[in-house]
């Protein structure tokens, strides 16, 4: 068995293998759905090729609320089967990757006891569906307990709170962990490789035409079964098979904003009500608290970087003074923002994206391509199993059940992140926040990352030198954007991402052999990307004035 490595330095060899070999399964899309399918298929003994048009997890799978949860609100709608499956799935993901599935208290503030009692009944049902351990059962907080647990909450308006267990993840790194596990089982994976056409033989697709977005090289990959797991771009791939295909998706935009924890000192995961009767989250993650998400129809079509509008930011800021005593907060307090598109299954009877089901759907196209759409981050393993059942039918063979699942890379420990962070801090002379960040991102592999260099990149970033070589040699990072946004995660959780850009670019240029022009182009691109993140619909020249 090969190692769990996706190396940009071995990209040429991967391209040669893809063009030379024939595969049992070709997966289009490197988000959580495609990653889960590739891992499951490779572990069952299939030869697997996966192609991602941009970077791994660059779409929906790096833009979520980063929760592994069953979805209590879906229980309120009566989607009991969906809730049961995803609630149970939390335990499995935690077992496989405790660093990427961290148990935290989800806190629902309330103004009165009546609502508290009714919600306790719903949460009790939710916990039974998810087989929650007694030690993790919900609890009511009030008075001095609430003051201790969440001191910034306005207890005059919200004197009660119900706390129950959910799990915090890092969505992009969960994708990378699954992809590296697929690689360890023999899968060939390539990012920045856009599928531009299908290879046909009679009435069947027998491969794909693709283009390397880094070199411009065109190549073909042949396979017995093709799965379209392109997320918001599912319809684009469907059109390659059938230009007359009926619309399938309803794209919904969700945005999040990050605020320094010094200005919004939330300690847990809080659920806040909005004027339109939706719920949003305020989630502590290291030095920031991020708030989200919106849920609005997006009519511009599938885009990697959906635009964040001022009204999106205002919507998320509006509830904060009704819940917290930390003073007024405005757009200038926002230090990070991200937007993503949910590829929901369209329902002609329902136009409000918040009311659309998060179910997944599997379609068989006229050329035999299997397209999977919809679903939730938490349910990715179940989606993969259902897809593999259909793949087995297309192959005309039974697939063996994989052996007992090993932990995902970095997940081979008992789940005590605090103890792991303490060990890292002591062994490598790290400050506690840096050690905690590395433990969450890498789990036990943090030791290997630090062995490549434990010198801080920049004090405010909590990032170390070894992360750069690790990202390139183990996780397929090929651009500075890949490193910044989906490996280090600095624009999402960092207070000073710009200060780390040039040091990171210098290290990446050294590893990948960039010339000065390429290095400068990469730097300018990510600065422009950060400008757009925080522009909130303004022109670039106006951004500095707003965030001065």
Protein backbone atom coordinates (compact mmCIF):
# COMPACT_ATOMS: atom_id res chain seq x y z
CA UNK A 1 0.00 0.00 0.00
CA UNK A 2 1.25 3.49 -0.85
CA UNK A 3 1.57 6.29 1.67
CA UNK A 4 -1.08 8.95 2.32
CA UNK A 5 0.70 11.46 0.10
CA UNK A 6 -0.48 13.86 -2.60
CA UNK A 7 2.72 15.58 -3.70
CA UNK A 8 2.82 18.55 -6.05
CA UNK A 9 6.44 17.63 -6.70
CA UNK A 10 5.17 14.34 -8.21
CA UNK A 11 2.51 16.04 -10.36
CA UNK A 12 4.16 15.10 -13.67
CA UNK A 13 4.18 11.44 -12.67
CA UNK A 14 0.50 11.64 -11.74
CA UNK A 15 -0.35 13.19 -15.11
CA UNK A 16 1.55 10.42 -16.89
CA UNK A 17 -0.24 7.74 -14.89
CA UNK A 18 -3.65 9.25 -15.57
CA UNK A 19 -2.99 9.39 -19.32
CA UNK A 20 -1.46 5.90 -19.42
CA UNK A 21 -3.63 3.76 -17.15
CA UNK A 22 -7.26 2.74 -17.28
CA UNK A 23 -9.34 2.93 -14.10
CA UNK A 24 -12.34 1.21 -12.63
CA UNK A 25 -13.69 4.56 -11.46
CA UNK A 26 -13.16 8.19 -12.45
CA UNK A 27 -14.43 10.73 -9.92
CA UNK A 28 -14.99 14.31 -11.07
CA UNK A 29 -14.82 16.71 -8.14
CA UNK A 30 -12.45 17.05 -5.20
CA UNK A 31 -14.81 18.26 -2.50
CA UNK A 32 -16.01 16.17 0.44
CA UNK A 33 -18.39 14.10 -1.72
CA UNK A 34 -15.75 13.16 -4.28
CA UNK A 35 -13.14 12.60 -1.58
CA UNK A 36 -15.44 10.26 0.34
CA UNK A 37 -16.29 8.29 -2.81
CA UNK A 38 -12.62 7.98 -3.86
CA UNK A 39 -11.60 6.78 -0.41
CA UNK A 40 -14.40 4.23 -0.13
CA UNK A 41 -13.80 2.91 -3.66
CA UNK A 42 -10.02 2.62 -3.27
CA UNK A 43 -10.39 0.82 0.06
CA UNK A 44 -12.71 -1.68 -1.66
CA UNK A 45 -10.01 -2.51 -4.19
CA UNK A 46 -11.09 -0.39 -7.17
CA UNK A 47 -8.55 1.56 -9.19
CA UNK A 48 -9.58 5.19 -8.82
CA UNK A 49 -8.73 8.45 -10.54
CA UNK A 50 -10.03 11.76 -9.15
CA UNK A 51 -9.85 15.09 -10.99
CA UNK A 52 -10.59 18.49 -9.45
CA UNK A 53 -10.91 21.57 -11.67
CA UNK A 54 -9.52 24.00 -9.08
CA UNK A 55 -7.94 23.08 -5.75
CA UNK A 56 -9.18 20.29 -3.53
CA UNK A 57 -12.07 21.60 -1.37
CA UNK A 58 -11.98 24.96 -3.14
CA UNK A 59 -15.76 25.15 -3.53
CA UNK A 60 -18.52 24.37 -1.05
CA UNK A 61 -16.29 22.07 1.00
CA UNK A 62 -14.15 24.90 2.38
CA UNK A 63 -17.00 27.40 2.86
CA UNK A 64 -19.36 25.67 5.30
CA UNK A 65 -20.16 26.48 8.92
CA UNK A 66 -17.64 23.74 9.77
CA UNK A 67 -19.98 21.68 11.89
CA UNK A 68 -20.41 17.94 12.06
CA UNK A 69 -24.00 17.89 13.23
CA UNK A 70 -27.27 16.11 12.73
CA UNK A 71 -29.24 19.29 12.12
CA UNK A 72 -31.72 19.87 14.93
CA UNK A 73 -33.72 22.20 12.68
CA UNK A 74 -34.36 19.34 10.24
CA UNK A 75 -35.97 17.42 13.11
CA UNK A 76 -38.37 20.33 13.55
CA UNK A 77 -39.35 19.86 9.88
CA UNK A 78 -39.98 16.17 10.37
CA UNK A 79 -36.93 14.92 8.41
CA UNK A 80 -36.33 12.26 11.05
CA UNK A 81 -34.48 9.80 8.83
CA UNK A 82 -31.99 12.46 7.69
CA UNK A 83 -31.41 13.55 11.29
CA UNK A 84 -30.98 9.99 12.56
CA UNK A 85 -28.41 9.12 9.91
CA UNK A 86 -26.35 12.27 10.29
CA UNK A 87 -26.61 12.31 14.10
CA UNK A 88 -25.23 8.78 14.26
CA UNK A 89 -22.57 9.65 11.70
CA UNK A 90 -21.02 12.20 14.07
CA UNK A 91 -19.66 9.39 16.22
CA UNK A 92 -18.04 7.67 13.23
CA UNK A 93 -16.30 10.81 12.03
CA UNK A 94 -15.11 11.55 15.56
CA UNK A 95 -13.71 8.05 15.88
CA UNK A 96 -11.81 8.38 12.59
CA UNK A 97 -10.55 11.95 13.05
CA UNK A 98 -10.94 13.37 16.57
CA UNK A 99 -8.77 16.38 15.68
CA UNK A 100 -11.25 17.23 12.89
CA UNK A 101 -14.40 16.47 14.88
CA UNK A 102 -14.02 18.29 18.17
CA UNK A 103 -16.91 17.98 20.68
CA UNK A 104 -18.17 21.39 21.75
CA UNK A 105 -21.25 22.77 23.46
CA UNK A 106 -23.91 24.15 21.14
CA UNK A 107 -25.69 26.79 23.20
CA UNK A 108 -29.21 28.07 22.53
CA UNK A 109 -29.98 31.20 24.60
CA UNK A 110 -33.61 31.70 25.62
CA UNK A 111 -35.72 34.41 27.17
CA UNK A 112 -38.09 32.17 29.15
CA UNK A 113 -38.55 28.77 30.73
CA UNK A 114 -41.45 27.73 28.49
CA UNK A 115 -39.27 27.70 25.40
CA UNK A 116 -36.52 25.98 27.37
CA UNK A 117 -38.82 23.11 28.35
CA UNK A 118 -40.17 22.60 24.83
CA UNK A 119 -36.68 22.64 23.35
CA UNK A 120 -35.43 20.10 25.89
CA UNK A 121 -38.00 17.66 24.57
CA UNK A 122 -36.75 18.11 20.99
CA UNK A 123 -33.11 17.81 22.03
CA UNK A 124 -33.84 14.65 24.02
CA UNK A 125 -35.31 13.09 20.86
CA UNK A 126 -32.30 14.30 18.88
CA UNK A 127 -29.90 12.73 21.35
CA UNK A 128 -31.75 9.42 21.25
CA UNK A 129 -31.59 9.38 17.45
CA UNK A 130 -27.85 10.02 17.67
CA UNK A 131 -27.17 7.54 20.49
CA UNK A 132 -25.51 10.28 22.53
CA UNK A 133 -23.55 9.08 25.56
CA UNK A 134 -24.90 10.06 28.95
CA UNK A 135 -21.83 12.18 29.74
CA UNK A 136 -22.61 14.29 26.67
CA UNK A 137 -26.30 14.75 27.40
CA UNK A 138 -27.73 18.24 27.19
CA UNK A 139 -27.90 20.54 30.17
CA UNK A 140 -29.66 23.75 31.11
CA UNK A 141 -27.56 26.76 32.09
CA UNK A 142 -28.88 29.67 34.10
CA UNK A 143 -27.75 32.15 36.74
CA UNK A 144 -24.13 31.83 37.87
CA UNK A 145 -23.54 28.77 35.65
CA UNK A 146 -24.53 30.69 32.54
CA UNK A 147 -22.44 33.66 33.67
CA UNK A 148 -19.42 31.39 34.00
CA UNK A 149 -19.93 29.46 30.76
CA UNK A 150 -20.82 32.40 28.50
CA UNK A 151 -20.12 35.68 30.31
CA UNK A 152 -20.63 37.93 27.27
CA UNK A 153 -24.23 36.77 26.80
CA UNK A 154 -26.82 39.38 27.83
CA UNK A 155 -28.50 37.50 30.66
CA UNK A 156 -31.15 40.17 31.16
CA UNK A 157 -32.59 39.30 27.75
CA UNK A 158 -31.53 35.66 27.73
CA UNK A 159 -31.47 34.33 31.31
CA UNK A 160 -31.62 30.68 30.21
CA UNK A 161 -29.70 28.53 27.77
CA UNK A 162 -29.77 24.95 26.62
CA UNK A 163 -26.39 23.38 25.82
CA UNK A 164 -26.04 20.16 23.84
CA UNK A 165 -23.13 18.44 22.11
CA UNK A 166 -22.21 19.07 18.50
CA UNK A 167 -18.85 18.80 16.75
CA UNK A 168 -16.60 21.44 15.22
CA UNK A 169 -14.54 20.51 12.16
CA UNK A 170 -12.27 22.10 9.61
CA UNK A 171 -14.08 21.25 6.39
CA UNK A 172 -11.19 21.68 3.94
CA UNK A 173 -8.82 19.67 6.07
CA UNK A 174 -11.42 16.92 6.45
CA UNK A 175 -11.47 16.73 2.64
CA UNK A 176 -7.66 16.56 2.51
CA UNK A 177 -7.60 13.81 5.14
CA UNK A 178 -10.04 11.71 3.12
CA UNK A 179 -8.11 12.31 -0.09
CA UNK A 180 -4.82 11.33 1.51
CA UNK A 181 -6.48 8.20 2.87
CA UNK A 182 -7.65 7.45 -0.69
CA UNK A 183 -4.10 7.97 -1.93
CA UNK A 184 -2.83 5.53 0.69
CA UNK A 185 -5.25 2.96 -0.75
CA UNK A 186 -3.88 3.52 -4.25
CA UNK A 187 -6.04 6.30 -5.75
CA UNK A 188 -4.49 8.77 -8.20
CA UNK A 189 -5.60 12.31 -7.38
CA UNK A 190 -5.01 15.57 -9.24
CA UNK A 191 -6.16 19.10 -8.51
CA UNK A 192 -6.13 21.99 -11.00
CA UNK A 193 -7.25 19.49 -13.65
CA UNK A 194 -10.47 20.54 -15.36
CA UNK A 195 -12.69 18.02 -17.14
CA UNK A 196 -13.64 19.56 -20.50
CA UNK A 197 -15.26 16.63 -22.30
CA UNK A 198 -16.29 13.00 -22.28
CA UNK A 199 -14.84 10.17 -24.33
CA UNK A 200 -17.65 8.16 -25.90
CA UNK A 201 -17.92 4.67 -27.26
CA UNK A 202 -21.37 4.13 -28.71
CA UNK A 203 -23.91 5.02 -26.06
CA UNK A 204 -21.46 4.94 -23.16
CA UNK A 205 -18.90 7.33 -21.67
CA UNK A 206 -15.59 5.50 -21.32
CA UNK A 207 -13.40 8.35 -20.12
CA UNK A 208 -12.87 12.08 -19.82
CA UNK A 209 -10.89 14.77 -21.59
CA UNK A 210 -9.12 17.06 -19.15
CA UNK A 211 -6.74 20.01 -19.04
CA UNK A 212 -4.01 20.73 -16.52
CA UNK A 213 -4.73 24.29 -15.43
CA UNK A 214 -1.12 24.83 -14.35
CA UNK A 215 0.69 23.74 -17.51
CA UNK A 216 -2.07 23.94 -20.11
CA UNK A 217 -1.46 20.28 -21.00
CA UNK A 218 -4.43 18.36 -22.36
CA UNK A 219 -4.80 14.70 -21.45
CA UNK A 220 -7.32 11.86 -21.44
CA UNK A 221 -8.31 9.47 -18.67
CA UNK A 222 -10.16 6.25 -19.38
CA UNK A 223 -12.39 4.44 -16.94
CA UNK A 224 -15.18 1.89 -16.66
CA UNK A 225 -17.48 4.11 -14.57
CA UNK A 226 -17.57 7.90 -14.21
CA UNK A 227 -19.04 9.66 -11.17
CA UNK A 228 -19.88 13.35 -11.38
CA UNK A 229 -19.45 14.77 -7.86
CA UNK A 230 -18.74 18.36 -8.89
CA UNK A 231 -20.97 20.06 -6.33
CA UNK A 232 -22.32 23.37 -7.70
CA UNK A 233 -20.77 22.42 -11.05
CA UNK A 234 -22.69 19.13 -11.36
CA UNK A 235 -24.89 20.64 -14.06
CA UNK A 236 -21.83 21.71 -16.08
CA UNK A 237 -20.66 18.10 -16.22
CA UNK A 238 -24.21 16.92 -16.92
CA UNK A 239 -24.29 19.21 -19.96
CA UNK A 240 -21.20 17.47 -21.38
CA UNK A 241 -23.24 14.27 -21.39
CA UNK A 242 -26.59 15.76 -22.31
CA UNK A 243 -26.80 19.40 -23.44
CA UNK A 244 -30.58 19.20 -23.03
CA UNK A 245 -30.46 18.03 -19.39
CA UNK A 246 -33.15 19.58 -17.21
CA UNK A 247 -31.99 21.90 -14.40
CA UNK A 248 -31.21 19.96 -11.23
CA UNK A 249 -29.85 22.42 -8.67
CA UNK A 250 -30.99 25.39 -6.67
CA UNK A 251 -27.82 27.25 -5.67
CA UNK A 252 -27.94 28.91 -2.28
CA UNK A 253 -25.27 31.32 -1.08
CA UNK A 254 -24.04 31.18 2.49
CA UNK A 255 -21.55 33.66 3.93
CA UNK A 256 -19.62 33.85 7.20
CA UNK A 257 -17.71 36.67 8.82
CA UNK A 258 -14.87 36.48 11.36
CA UNK A 259 -14.53 38.93 14.24
CA UNK A 260 -11.61 39.07 16.70
CA UNK A 261 -12.47 37.17 19.87
CA UNK A 262 -11.25 40.19 21.84
CA UNK A 263 -14.25 42.10 20.46
CA UNK A 264 -16.74 39.22 20.62
CA UNK A 265 -15.50 36.95 23.43
CA UNK A 266 -17.80 34.00 22.79
CA UNK A 267 -16.61 30.71 24.31
CA UNK A 268 -18.86 28.08 22.76
CA UNK A 269 -21.02 27.54 19.66
CA UNK A 270 -24.03 29.82 20.00
CA UNK A 271 -27.29 29.67 18.07
CA UNK A 272 -28.85 33.07 17.35
CA UNK A 273 -32.29 33.87 15.95
CA UNK A 274 -32.65 36.31 13.06
CA UNK A 275 -35.59 38.61 12.23
CA UNK A 276 -36.65 36.31 9.37
CA UNK A 277 -36.88 33.40 11.83
CA UNK A 278 -33.73 31.64 10.65
CA UNK A 279 -30.90 30.62 12.94
CA UNK A 280 -27.26 31.51 12.58
CA UNK A 281 -24.19 30.48 14.56
CA UNK A 282 -21.51 32.39 16.45
CA UNK A 283 -18.57 30.00 16.78
CA UNK A 284 -15.32 30.47 18.66
CA UNK A 285 -12.28 29.23 16.74
CA UNK A 286 -8.94 30.23 18.20
CA UNK A 287 -8.38 33.98 17.93
CA UNK A 288 -11.67 34.69 16.15
CA UNK A 289 -15.39 34.12 16.40
CA UNK A 290 -17.06 33.49 13.07
CA UNK A 291 -20.72 34.21 12.47
CA UNK A 292 -22.91 32.62 9.79
CA UNK A 293 -24.55 31.59 7.68
CA UNK A 294 -26.88 33.35 5.27
CA UNK A 295 -29.11 31.30 2.97
CA UNK A 296 -30.11 33.20 -0.17
CA UNK A 297 -30.77 32.12 -3.73
CA UNK A 298 -27.75 32.70 -5.98
CA UNK A 299 -28.68 33.30 -9.60
CA UNK A 300 -25.26 34.07 -11.09
CA UNK A 301 -24.46 30.39 -11.56
CA UNK A 302 -21.70 28.26 -10.07
CA UNK A 303 -18.68 30.33 -9.02
CA UNK A 304 -15.63 29.52 -6.91
CA UNK A 305 -15.79 32.94 -5.24
CA UNK A 306 -19.41 34.11 -4.83
CA UNK A 307 -19.65 37.79 -4.13
CA UNK A 308 -20.19 38.98 -0.55
CA UNK A 309 -22.60 41.90 -0.49
CA UNK A 310 -22.95 44.55 2.24
CA UNK A 311 -26.44 43.29 3.05
CA UNK A 312 -25.02 39.81 3.70
CA UNK A 313 -22.69 41.25 6.34
CA UNK A 314 -25.41 43.45 7.84
CA UNK A 315 -27.68 40.40 8.16
CA UNK A 316 -25.08 38.58 10.27
CA UNK A 317 -24.18 41.60 12.39
CA UNK A 318 -27.81 42.52 13.16
CA UNK A 319 -28.51 39.90 15.88
CA UNK A 320 -25.27 40.45 17.82
CA UNK A 321 -26.33 43.42 19.99
CA UNK A 322 -29.54 41.56 20.88
CA UNK A 323 -27.50 38.74 22.40
CA UNK A 324 -24.19 40.11 23.64
CA UNK A 325 -23.01 42.88 25.95
CA UNK A 326 -19.70 43.52 24.20
CA UNK A 327 -20.74 46.76 22.52
CA UNK A 328 -21.68 47.63 18.93
CA UNK A 329 -19.92 45.84 16.07
CA UNK A 330 -19.79 46.93 12.45
CA UNK A 331 -18.26 45.96 9.10
CA UNK A 332 -14.92 47.50 10.08
CA UNK A 333 -14.63 44.91 12.89
CA UNK A 334 -14.71 42.05 10.40
CA UNK A 335 -11.24 40.56 9.82
CA UNK A 336 -12.24 37.65 7.59
CA UNK A 337 -15.15 36.58 5.40
CA UNK A 338 -16.02 33.74 3.09
CA UNK A 339 -18.92 32.76 0.85
CA UNK A 340 -19.90 29.41 -0.60
CA UNK A 341 -22.66 27.86 -2.65
CA UNK A 342 -24.85 24.99 -1.50
CA UNK A 343 -25.86 22.73 -4.41
CA UNK A 344 -29.39 22.00 -3.19
CA UNK A 345 -31.78 19.78 -5.13
CA UNK A 346 -34.30 22.09 -6.79
CA UNK A 347 -37.97 21.82 -5.84
CA UNK A 348 -40.38 23.69 -8.14
CA UNK A 349 -42.87 24.01 -5.27
CA UNK A 350 -40.38 25.70 -2.96
CA UNK A 351 -38.43 28.85 -3.82
CA UNK A 352 -37.02 29.64 -0.37
CA UNK A 353 -33.59 27.95 -0.12
CA UNK A 354 -33.85 27.76 3.67
CA UNK A 355 -36.82 25.42 3.24
CA UNK A 356 -35.23 23.14 0.64
CA UNK A 357 -34.25 19.65 1.77
CA UNK A 358 -30.58 18.84 2.26
CA UNK A 359 -31.13 15.33 0.85
CA UNK A 360 -28.77 13.91 -1.74
CA UNK A 361 -29.83 12.54 -5.10
CA UNK A 362 -28.13 10.15 -7.54
CA UNK A 363 -28.89 10.31 -11.28
CA UNK A 364 -27.85 8.03 -14.14
CA UNK A 365 -27.27 9.93 -17.37
CA UNK A 366 -27.80 8.76 -20.98
CA UNK A 367 -24.11 7.86 -21.35
CA UNK A 368 -23.96 6.03 -18.04
CA UNK A 369 -22.40 8.82 -15.97
CA UNK A 370 -23.53 8.77 -12.34
CA UNK A 371 -24.18 12.25 -10.97
CA UNK A 372 -24.55 12.88 -7.25
CA UNK A 373 -25.82 16.18 -5.87
CA UNK A 374 -27.15 17.69 -2.66
CA UNK A 375 -26.41 16.24 0.76
CA UNK A 376 -24.69 17.50 3.90
CA UNK A 377 -21.08 17.57 5.01
CA UNK A 378 -21.89 15.30 7.96
CA UNK A 379 -23.43 12.65 5.72
CA UNK A 380 -20.58 12.31 3.23
CA UNK A 381 -19.70 8.72 4.19
CA UNK A 382 -23.25 7.51 3.70
CA UNK A 383 -23.43 9.28 0.34
CA UNK A 384 -20.24 7.50 -0.70
CA UNK A 385 -21.67 4.11 0.23
CA UNK A 386 -24.83 4.73 -1.78
CA UNK A 387 -22.81 5.86 -4.81
CA UNK A 388 -20.58 2.78 -4.57
CA UNK A 389 -23.67 0.55 -4.62
CA UNK A 390 -24.58 2.09 -7.97
CA UNK A 391 -20.98 1.86 -9.19
CA UNK A 392 -21.02 -1.86 -8.40
CA UNK A 393 -24.16 -2.25 -10.53
CA UNK A 394 -22.50 -0.43 -13.43
CA UNK A 395 -19.40 -2.60 -13.09
CA UNK A 396 -21.50 -5.74 -12.87
CA UNK A 397 -19.64 -7.00 -9.84
CA UNK A 398 -20.06 -7.12 -6.10
CA UNK A 399 -17.65 -4.92 -4.19
CA UNK A 400 -16.12 -6.26 -0.99
CA UNK A 401 -16.95 -4.50 2.22
CA UNK A 402 -13.83 -2.67 3.35
CA UNK A 403 -12.06 -3.91 6.45
CA UNK A 404 -12.39 -2.02 9.72
CA UNK A 405 -11.70 1.61 8.97
CA UNK A 406 -8.38 2.95 10.16
CA UNK A 407 -8.23 6.51 11.50
CA UNK A 408 -7.89 9.27 8.95
CA UNK A 409 -4.35 10.71 8.77
CA UNK A 410 -3.55 12.38 12.10
CA UNK A 411 -6.50 10.78 13.88
CA UNK A 412 -4.67 8.02 15.76
CA UNK A 413 -5.13 9.35 19.30
CA UNK A 414 -7.72 9.27 22.05
CA UNK A 415 -9.40 12.57 21.13
CA UNK A 416 -7.90 14.66 23.92
CA UNK A 417 -6.85 17.71 21.90
CA UNK A 418 -5.78 19.56 25.03
CA UNK A 419 -3.30 16.86 25.94
CA UNK A 420 -2.00 16.70 22.38
CA UNK A 421 -1.52 20.48 22.30
CA UNK A 422 0.30 20.37 25.66
CA UNK A 423 2.62 17.68 24.35
CA UNK A 424 3.40 19.71 21.22
CA UNK A 425 3.98 22.89 23.21
CA UNK A 426 6.37 21.18 25.59
CA UNK A 427 8.31 19.17 23.01
CA UNK A 428 8.76 22.02 20.55
CA UNK A 429 8.80 25.11 22.80
CA UNK A 430 5.60 26.50 21.28
CA UNK A 431 3.16 28.94 22.80
CA UNK A 432 -0.18 27.37 23.69
CA UNK A 433 -2.32 28.98 20.92
CA UNK A 434 0.13 27.82 18.23
CA UNK A 435 0.23 24.29 19.64
CA UNK A 436 -3.57 24.18 19.86
CA UNK A 437 -3.91 25.33 16.25
CA UNK A 438 -1.48 22.68 14.99
CA UNK A 439 -3.23 19.96 17.00
CA UNK A 440 -6.59 20.86 15.44
CA UNK A 441 -5.26 21.04 11.88
CA UNK A 442 -2.92 18.06 11.85
CA UNK A 443 -3.65 15.83 14.84
CA UNK A 444 -0.74 13.49 15.54
CA UNK A 445 0.85 14.45 12.21
CA UNK A 446 1.70 17.82 13.75
CA UNK A 447 4.92 16.18 14.99
CA UNK A 448 5.93 15.45 11.39
CA UNK A 449 4.99 18.97 10.31
CA UNK A 450 7.11 20.48 13.07
CA UNK A 451 10.01 18.21 12.14
CA UNK A 452 10.10 20.08 8.81
CA UNK A 453 10.48 23.39 10.65
CA UNK A 454 9.03 24.72 13.90
CA UNK A 455 10.05 28.36 13.42
CA UNK A 456 7.02 30.70 13.40
CA UNK A 457 6.22 32.32 10.05
CA UNK A 458 4.81 35.37 11.80
CA UNK A 459 3.80 35.71 15.43
CA UNK A 460 0.23 36.72 14.67
CA UNK A 461 -0.40 33.86 12.24
CA UNK A 462 0.39 30.93 14.61
CA UNK A 463 1.81 29.29 11.46
CA UNK A 464 5.17 27.46 11.34
CA UNK A 465 7.69 26.93 8.55
CA UNK A 466 7.09 23.18 8.27
CA UNK A 467 3.50 23.71 7.12
CA UNK A 468 4.68 24.92 3.71
CA UNK A 469 6.71 21.89 2.73
CA UNK A 470 4.06 19.62 4.24
CA UNK A 471 1.30 21.31 2.20
CA UNK A 472 3.26 20.91 -1.05
CA UNK A 473 4.69 17.43 -0.50
CA UNK A 474 1.79 15.79 1.33
CA UNK A 475 -1.39 17.74 0.49
CA UNK A 476 -1.07 18.83 -3.15
CA UNK A 477 -0.79 22.60 -2.63
CA UNK A 478 0.32 24.10 -5.95
CA UNK A 479 -0.50 27.80 -5.52
CA UNK A 480 -0.07 30.34 -2.76
CA UNK A 481 -3.86 30.57 -2.62
CA UNK A 482 -4.05 26.80 -1.98
CA UNK A 483 -1.62 27.15 0.91
CA UNK A 484 -3.17 30.25 2.44
CA UNK A 485 -6.87 29.45 2.13
CA UNK A 486 -7.17 25.67 2.31
CA UNK A 487 -4.03 24.45 4.12
CA UNK A 488 -3.12 27.08 6.75
CA UNK A 489 -6.67 28.59 6.83
CA UNK A 490 -5.22 31.98 7.81
CA UNK A 491 -7.78 34.18 5.97
CA UNK A 492 -10.58 32.45 7.90
CA UNK A 493 -9.17 32.13 11.41
CA UNK A 494 -6.16 34.46 11.46
CA UNK A 495 -6.01 38.05 12.64
CA UNK A 496 -3.14 39.12 10.36
CA UNK A 497 -3.13 36.95 7.23
CA UNK A 498 -1.45 39.61 5.10
CA UNK A 499 1.61 39.68 7.32
CA UNK A 500 2.25 36.03 6.52
CA UNK A 501 1.83 36.26 2.74
CA UNK A 502 5.37 37.19 1.70
CA UNK A 503 7.13 34.76 4.09
CA UNK A 504 4.83 31.98 2.89
CA UNK A 505 5.47 32.93 -0.73
CA UNK A 506 9.24 32.88 -0.16
CA UNK A 507 9.06 29.36 1.29
CA UNK A 508 6.72 28.09 -1.40
CA UNK A 509 8.90 29.56 -4.13
CA UNK A 510 11.87 27.73 -2.65
CA UNK A 511 10.05 24.38 -2.54
CA UNK A 512 8.49 24.66 -6.01
CA UNK A 513 11.28 26.55 -7.77
CA UNK A 514 9.26 29.64 -8.67
CA UNK A 515 11.08 32.49 -10.40
CA UNK A 516 10.64 36.07 -9.05
CA UNK A 517 7.87 36.86 -11.54
CA UNK A 518 5.81 33.82 -10.54
CA UNK A 519 6.34 34.57 -6.84
CA UNK A 520 5.16 38.16 -7.31
CA UNK A 521 2.13 37.09 -9.33
CA UNK A 522 1.11 34.66 -6.58
CA UNK A 523 1.48 37.39 -3.92
CA UNK A 524 -0.58 39.88 -5.90
CA UNK A 525 -3.28 37.30 -6.51
CA UNK A 526 -3.84 36.49 -2.83
CA UNK A 527 -3.74 40.17 -1.83
CA UNK A 528 -6.45 40.77 -4.42
CA UNK A 529 -8.38 37.80 -3.10
CA UNK A 530 -8.26 39.23 0.45
CA UNK A 531 -9.37 42.62 -0.86
CA UNK A 532 -12.40 40.96 -2.44
CA UNK A 533 -13.17 38.98 0.73
CA UNK A 534 -13.45 42.16 2.76
CA UNK A 535 -14.72 44.47 0.04
CA UNK A 536 -18.40 43.61 0.66
CA UNK A 537 -19.41 44.69 -2.83
CA UNK A 538 -17.13 47.74 -2.93
CA UNK A 539 -14.38 48.43 -5.44
CA UNK A 540 -10.84 47.49 -4.41
CA UNK A 541 -9.87 51.15 -3.92
CA UNK A 542 -12.66 51.55 -1.34
CA UNK A 543 -11.74 48.54 0.78
CA UNK A 544 -8.88 50.19 2.67
CA UNK A 545 -11.11 53.06 3.75
CA UNK A 546 -13.76 50.73 5.16
CA UNK A 547 -11.26 48.54 7.03
CA UNK A 548 -8.82 51.23 8.11
